[in-house]
């Protein structure tokens, strides 16, 4: 049963009507004030932010291009870019991801990007890209010519890069109230198609490898309940005449990574 405004004025005394009006107005203001926060929380759930880290030359940008279904003709930043790149993946179900590709060069821009994604505006998850020592060598900025580096040197550089990144991840994890997730993406698998399982094991926690030991150290620092870790093989190449990895298998690896990101973010 409803009452007209005039009927309410007859039933309630002036003081009660004033209190009722204040209560309603307060409720409206509270709802309006909390609306941006609720909308922001909903948007963040549907489009979580993901940091993509790894040393230069491992293929971070190419991997994110595959995840976001972009091509090299879409005006993306050049390979080896020293600025943080931003990409968005969208699905028909209004879910997706906002990827922040952190520069791999040890420069001030990289350190600033690491501060942004792990401290200033902490991300929801991390994809750390490794390449089994097959990262493309890069020369320092301002120099010309072809860079060279042995696979052993690249593996050592990968460990050094991981030491920096893993401490940032641990610091973020202990500050967060909810668990975060990490996916170690083992890329360039088209270069070692017969050794994929062995290489994935090398990067996995509990493997006893130099990299695995550092992953175990990260779990100890962050706390096992605060950080989930997956290790997945992936390839952005495959299918051409020079590749030993069929295009269908390479595509399935990228799809498996995208599916796991959806599960970790509560989209599946």
Protein backbone atom coordinates (compact mmCIF):
# COMPACT_ATOMS: atom_id res chain seq x y z
CA UNK A 1 0.00 0.00 0.00
CA UNK A 2 1.48 3.41 -0.97
CA UNK A 3 0.83 6.89 0.36
CA UNK A 4 0.86 10.16 -1.57
CA UNK A 5 3.27 12.90 -0.38
CA UNK A 6 0.37 14.90 1.04
CA UNK A 7 -0.91 11.87 2.98
CA UNK A 8 2.59 11.33 4.40
CA UNK A 9 2.65 14.95 5.58
CA UNK A 10 -0.66 14.36 7.39
CA UNK A 11 0.51 11.16 9.08
CA UNK A 12 4.01 12.24 10.15
CA UNK A 13 4.81 15.26 12.33
CA UNK A 14 7.20 17.88 11.00
CA UNK A 15 10.22 16.56 12.94
CA UNK A 16 9.68 13.01 11.64
CA UNK A 17 9.28 14.24 8.07
CA UNK A 18 12.56 16.14 8.39
CA UNK A 19 14.36 13.07 9.74
CA UNK A 20 12.89 10.89 6.99
CA UNK A 21 13.98 13.34 4.31
CA UNK A 22 17.50 13.47 5.73
CA UNK A 23 17.67 9.68 5.81
CA UNK A 24 16.56 9.37 2.18
CA UNK A 25 18.91 12.11 1.02
CA UNK A 26 21.79 10.52 2.92
CA UNK A 27 21.06 7.17 1.31
CA UNK A 28 21.02 8.70 -2.16
CA UNK A 29 24.29 10.54 -1.57
CA UNK A 30 25.94 7.38 -0.22
CA UNK A 31 24.81 5.40 -3.26
CA UNK A 32 26.07 8.10 -5.61
CA UNK A 33 29.41 8.33 -3.79
CA UNK A 34 29.98 4.57 -3.91
CA UNK A 35 28.87 4.18 -7.54
CA UNK A 36 32.26 5.00 -9.14
CA UNK A 37 33.98 2.57 -6.78
CA UNK A 38 31.51 -0.20 -7.60
CA UNK A 39 31.76 0.48 -11.33
CA UNK A 40 35.54 0.48 -11.07
CA UNK A 41 35.51 -2.82 -9.18
CA UNK A 42 33.22 -4.38 -11.80
CA UNK A 43 35.39 -3.12 -14.65
CA UNK A 44 38.53 -4.39 -12.94
CA UNK A 45 36.94 -7.81 -12.49
CA UNK A 46 35.95 -7.99 -16.12
CA UNK A 47 39.19 -6.48 -17.41
CA UNK A 48 41.95 -7.24 -14.89
CA UNK A 49 45.36 -5.65 -15.36
CA UNK A 50 48.20 -8.00 -16.22
CA UNK A 51 51.89 -7.08 -16.16
CA UNK A 52 53.98 -8.77 -18.86
CA UNK A 53 57.60 -8.92 -17.75
CA UNK A 54 60.83 -10.51 -18.92
CA UNK A 55 64.23 -9.55 -20.27
CA UNK A 56 64.58 -7.89 -23.64
CA UNK A 57 64.33 -10.15 -26.67
CA UNK A 58 62.18 -12.92 -25.16
CA UNK A 59 59.12 -11.99 -27.24
CA UNK A 60 56.81 -10.19 -24.78
CA UNK A 61 55.25 -7.90 -27.37
CA UNK A 62 54.76 -10.70 -29.90
CA UNK A 63 53.07 -12.87 -27.28
CA UNK A 64 50.69 -10.10 -26.23
CA UNK A 65 49.96 -9.38 -29.89
CA UNK A 66 48.84 -13.00 -30.27
CA UNK A 67 46.76 -12.85 -27.09
CA UNK A 68 45.05 -9.65 -28.21
CA UNK A 69 44.76 -10.86 -31.82
CA UNK A 70 46.78 -7.98 -33.19
CA UNK A 71 49.16 -8.00 -36.12
CA UNK A 72 52.40 -6.14 -36.67
CA UNK A 73 50.48 -3.79 -39.00
CA UNK A 74 48.28 -2.48 -36.20
CA UNK A 75 50.66 0.32 -35.25
CA UNK A 76 52.19 -1.28 -32.16
CA UNK A 77 55.48 -0.20 -30.64
CA UNK A 78 58.64 -1.50 -32.35
CA UNK A 79 60.49 -4.59 -31.11
CA UNK A 80 62.71 -3.72 -28.18
CA UNK A 81 60.65 -0.66 -27.27
CA UNK A 82 61.88 1.25 -24.22
CA UNK A 83 58.38 2.44 -23.28
CA UNK A 84 55.62 0.51 -21.56
CA UNK A 85 53.15 -0.85 -24.10
CA UNK A 86 49.43 -1.21 -23.41
CA UNK A 87 47.12 -3.71 -25.07
CA UNK A 88 43.55 -4.87 -24.42
CA UNK A 89 41.98 -8.24 -25.14
CA UNK A 90 38.18 -8.30 -25.47
CA UNK A 91 35.80 -11.22 -25.74
CA UNK A 92 32.16 -11.37 -26.93
CA UNK A 93 31.15 -11.96 -23.29
CA UNK A 94 32.46 -8.53 -22.26
CA UNK A 95 35.48 -10.01 -20.51
CA UNK A 96 39.12 -9.44 -21.28
CA UNK A 97 42.48 -8.22 -20.02
CA UNK A 98 44.49 -5.04 -19.99
CA UNK A 99 48.12 -5.96 -20.64
CA UNK A 100 51.00 -3.72 -19.57
CA UNK A 101 54.19 -4.78 -21.36
CA UNK A 102 57.16 -3.71 -19.23
CA UNK A 103 60.32 -2.76 -21.19
CA UNK A 104 63.06 -5.38 -20.92
CA UNK A 105 66.06 -3.06 -21.14
CA UNK A 106 67.69 -2.15 -17.83
CA UNK A 107 66.91 1.53 -18.17
CA UNK A 108 65.19 4.19 -16.09
CA UNK A 109 62.00 3.71 -18.10
CA UNK A 110 61.95 0.03 -17.17
CA UNK A 111 62.40 0.73 -13.47
CA UNK A 112 59.63 3.32 -13.63
CA UNK A 113 57.34 0.82 -15.34
CA UNK A 114 58.10 -1.82 -12.69
CA UNK A 115 57.22 0.70 -9.98
CA UNK A 116 53.95 1.51 -11.74
CA UNK A 117 52.71 -2.06 -12.19
CA UNK A 118 53.86 -3.43 -8.84
CA UNK A 119 53.53 -0.44 -6.49
CA UNK A 120 51.73 2.64 -7.82
CA UNK A 121 48.78 0.77 -9.34
CA UNK A 122 49.34 -2.93 -8.54
CA UNK A 123 48.27 -5.36 -11.23
CA UNK A 124 46.01 -8.38 -10.73
CA UNK A 125 48.38 -10.89 -12.28
CA UNK A 126 51.74 -11.32 -13.98
CA UNK A 127 52.94 -13.10 -17.10
CA UNK A 128 56.71 -13.48 -16.89
CA UNK A 129 58.16 -14.47 -20.26
CA UNK A 130 61.29 -16.62 -20.56
CA UNK A 131 62.90 -18.16 -23.65
CA UNK A 132 65.21 -21.02 -22.57
CA UNK A 133 68.26 -18.94 -23.46
CA UNK A 134 66.97 -18.13 -26.96
CA UNK A 135 66.16 -14.47 -26.36
CA UNK A 136 67.12 -12.32 -29.32
CA UNK A 137 70.32 -10.43 -28.37
CA UNK A 138 69.91 -6.66 -28.29
CA UNK A 139 72.58 -4.01 -28.46
CA UNK A 140 72.56 -1.16 -25.98
CA UNK A 141 70.72 1.99 -27.05
CA UNK A 142 72.73 4.18 -29.39
CA UNK A 143 74.92 1.39 -30.79
CA UNK A 144 74.70 -0.26 -34.19
CA UNK A 145 75.52 -3.65 -35.60
CA UNK A 146 74.40 -7.18 -34.85
CA UNK A 147 74.43 -8.22 -31.21
CA UNK A 148 75.71 -11.65 -30.24
CA UNK A 149 75.35 -13.65 -27.03
CA UNK A 150 75.71 -17.32 -26.21
CA UNK A 151 72.79 -19.31 -24.89
CA UNK A 152 74.57 -19.65 -21.53
CA UNK A 153 74.94 -15.87 -21.34
CA UNK A 154 71.27 -15.41 -22.14
CA UNK A 155 70.23 -17.92 -19.47
CA UNK A 156 72.38 -16.06 -16.93
CA UNK A 157 70.83 -12.74 -17.97
CA UNK A 158 67.39 -14.31 -17.63
CA UNK A 159 68.16 -15.32 -14.03
CA UNK A 160 69.41 -11.82 -13.23
CA UNK A 161 66.26 -10.28 -14.72
CA UNK A 162 64.05 -12.71 -12.77
CA UNK A 163 65.78 -11.83 -9.50
CA UNK A 164 64.75 -8.18 -9.97
CA UNK A 165 61.19 -8.96 -11.04
CA UNK A 166 60.51 -11.68 -8.47
CA UNK A 167 61.36 -9.36 -5.57
CA UNK A 168 58.86 -6.81 -6.93
CA UNK A 169 56.21 -9.54 -7.18
CA UNK A 170 56.88 -10.71 -3.62
CA UNK A 171 56.66 -7.15 -2.29
CA UNK A 172 53.31 -6.66 -4.03
CA UNK A 173 51.94 -10.02 -2.87
CA UNK A 174 52.56 -9.38 0.83
CA UNK A 175 50.75 -6.02 0.60
CA UNK A 176 47.65 -7.39 -1.09
CA UNK A 177 44.63 -8.67 0.81
CA UNK A 178 43.73 -11.16 -1.92
CA UNK A 179 45.96 -13.73 -3.64
CA UNK A 180 47.62 -12.85 -6.94
CA UNK A 181 48.73 -15.13 -9.74
CA UNK A 182 51.84 -15.60 -11.83
CA UNK A 183 52.18 -17.43 -15.14
CA UNK A 184 55.70 -18.18 -16.35
CA UNK A 185 55.33 -18.33 -20.13
CA UNK A 186 58.10 -20.41 -21.69
CA UNK A 187 58.20 -19.03 -25.22
CA UNK A 188 60.04 -19.76 -28.50
CA UNK A 189 59.18 -23.44 -28.12
CA UNK A 190 59.37 -23.75 -31.92
CA UNK A 191 63.17 -23.71 -31.47
CA UNK A 192 63.18 -26.82 -29.23
CA UNK A 193 59.97 -28.76 -30.01
CA UNK A 194 61.37 -32.08 -28.78
CA UNK A 195 62.46 -30.72 -25.39
CA UNK A 196 59.41 -28.72 -24.32
CA UNK A 197 58.54 -30.86 -21.27
CA UNK A 198 62.12 -30.78 -20.02
CA UNK A 199 62.37 -27.02 -20.46
CA UNK A 200 59.03 -26.40 -18.70
CA UNK A 201 60.34 -28.50 -15.80
CA UNK A 202 63.47 -26.31 -15.63
CA UNK A 203 61.32 -23.23 -14.97
CA UNK A 204 58.94 -24.94 -12.53
CA UNK A 205 58.97 -24.67 -8.73
CA UNK A 206 60.53 -27.65 -7.01
CA UNK A 207 62.61 -28.58 -10.06
CA UNK A 208 65.96 -28.00 -8.34
CA UNK A 209 67.18 -25.97 -11.34
CA UNK A 210 68.76 -22.51 -10.90
CA UNK A 211 65.53 -20.88 -12.08
CA UNK A 212 63.30 -23.26 -10.14
CA UNK A 213 65.21 -22.46 -6.95
CA UNK A 214 64.51 -18.75 -7.45
CA UNK A 215 60.81 -19.50 -8.01
CA UNK A 216 60.81 -21.45 -4.73
CA UNK A 217 62.45 -18.45 -3.04
CA UNK A 218 59.68 -16.22 -4.38
CA UNK A 219 57.00 -18.52 -2.97
CA UNK A 220 58.74 -18.45 0.40
CA UNK A 221 58.90 -14.64 0.39
CA UNK A 222 55.33 -14.11 -0.81
CA UNK A 223 53.69 -16.98 1.05
CA UNK A 224 52.26 -19.98 -0.76
CA UNK A 225 48.67 -18.95 -0.06
CA UNK A 226 49.23 -15.44 -1.47
CA UNK A 227 50.65 -16.46 -4.85
CA UNK A 228 49.66 -19.11 -7.39
CA UNK A 229 52.23 -20.12 -10.03
CA UNK A 230 51.71 -21.80 -13.41
CA UNK A 231 54.35 -22.66 -16.01
CA UNK A 232 53.06 -22.95 -19.58
CA UNK A 233 54.84 -23.43 -22.93
CA UNK A 234 53.92 -21.08 -25.75
CA UNK A 235 55.05 -20.05 -29.21
CA UNK A 236 54.22 -17.02 -31.30
CA UNK A 237 55.72 -18.72 -34.37
CA UNK A 238 54.99 -22.00 -36.11
CA UNK A 239 53.68 -23.23 -39.40
CA UNK A 240 56.18 -21.72 -41.82
CA UNK A 241 58.68 -23.80 -43.77
CA UNK A 242 61.52 -23.14 -41.34
CA UNK A 243 59.54 -23.99 -38.19
CA UNK A 244 59.53 -27.44 -36.62
CA UNK A 245 56.29 -26.59 -34.78
CA UNK A 246 52.98 -26.88 -36.67
CA UNK A 247 50.83 -23.75 -36.75
CA UNK A 248 47.95 -25.64 -35.14
CA UNK A 249 50.10 -26.65 -32.15
CA UNK A 250 51.47 -23.13 -31.75
CA UNK A 251 47.94 -21.71 -31.84
CA UNK A 252 46.75 -24.27 -29.30
CA UNK A 253 49.50 -23.17 -26.89
CA UNK A 254 48.40 -19.53 -27.10
CA UNK A 255 44.77 -20.57 -26.64
CA UNK A 256 45.71 -22.67 -23.58
CA UNK A 257 47.46 -19.64 -22.05
CA UNK A 258 44.42 -17.44 -22.73
CA UNK A 259 42.11 -20.06 -21.19
CA UNK A 260 44.26 -20.27 -18.06
CA UNK A 261 44.26 -16.48 -17.70
CA UNK A 262 40.48 -16.60 -17.82
CA UNK A 263 40.34 -19.27 -15.12
CA UNK A 264 42.74 -17.37 -12.88
CA UNK A 265 40.69 -14.18 -13.29
CA UNK A 266 37.36 -15.90 -12.60
CA UNK A 267 36.09 -15.49 -16.17
CA UNK A 268 35.66 -19.23 -16.81
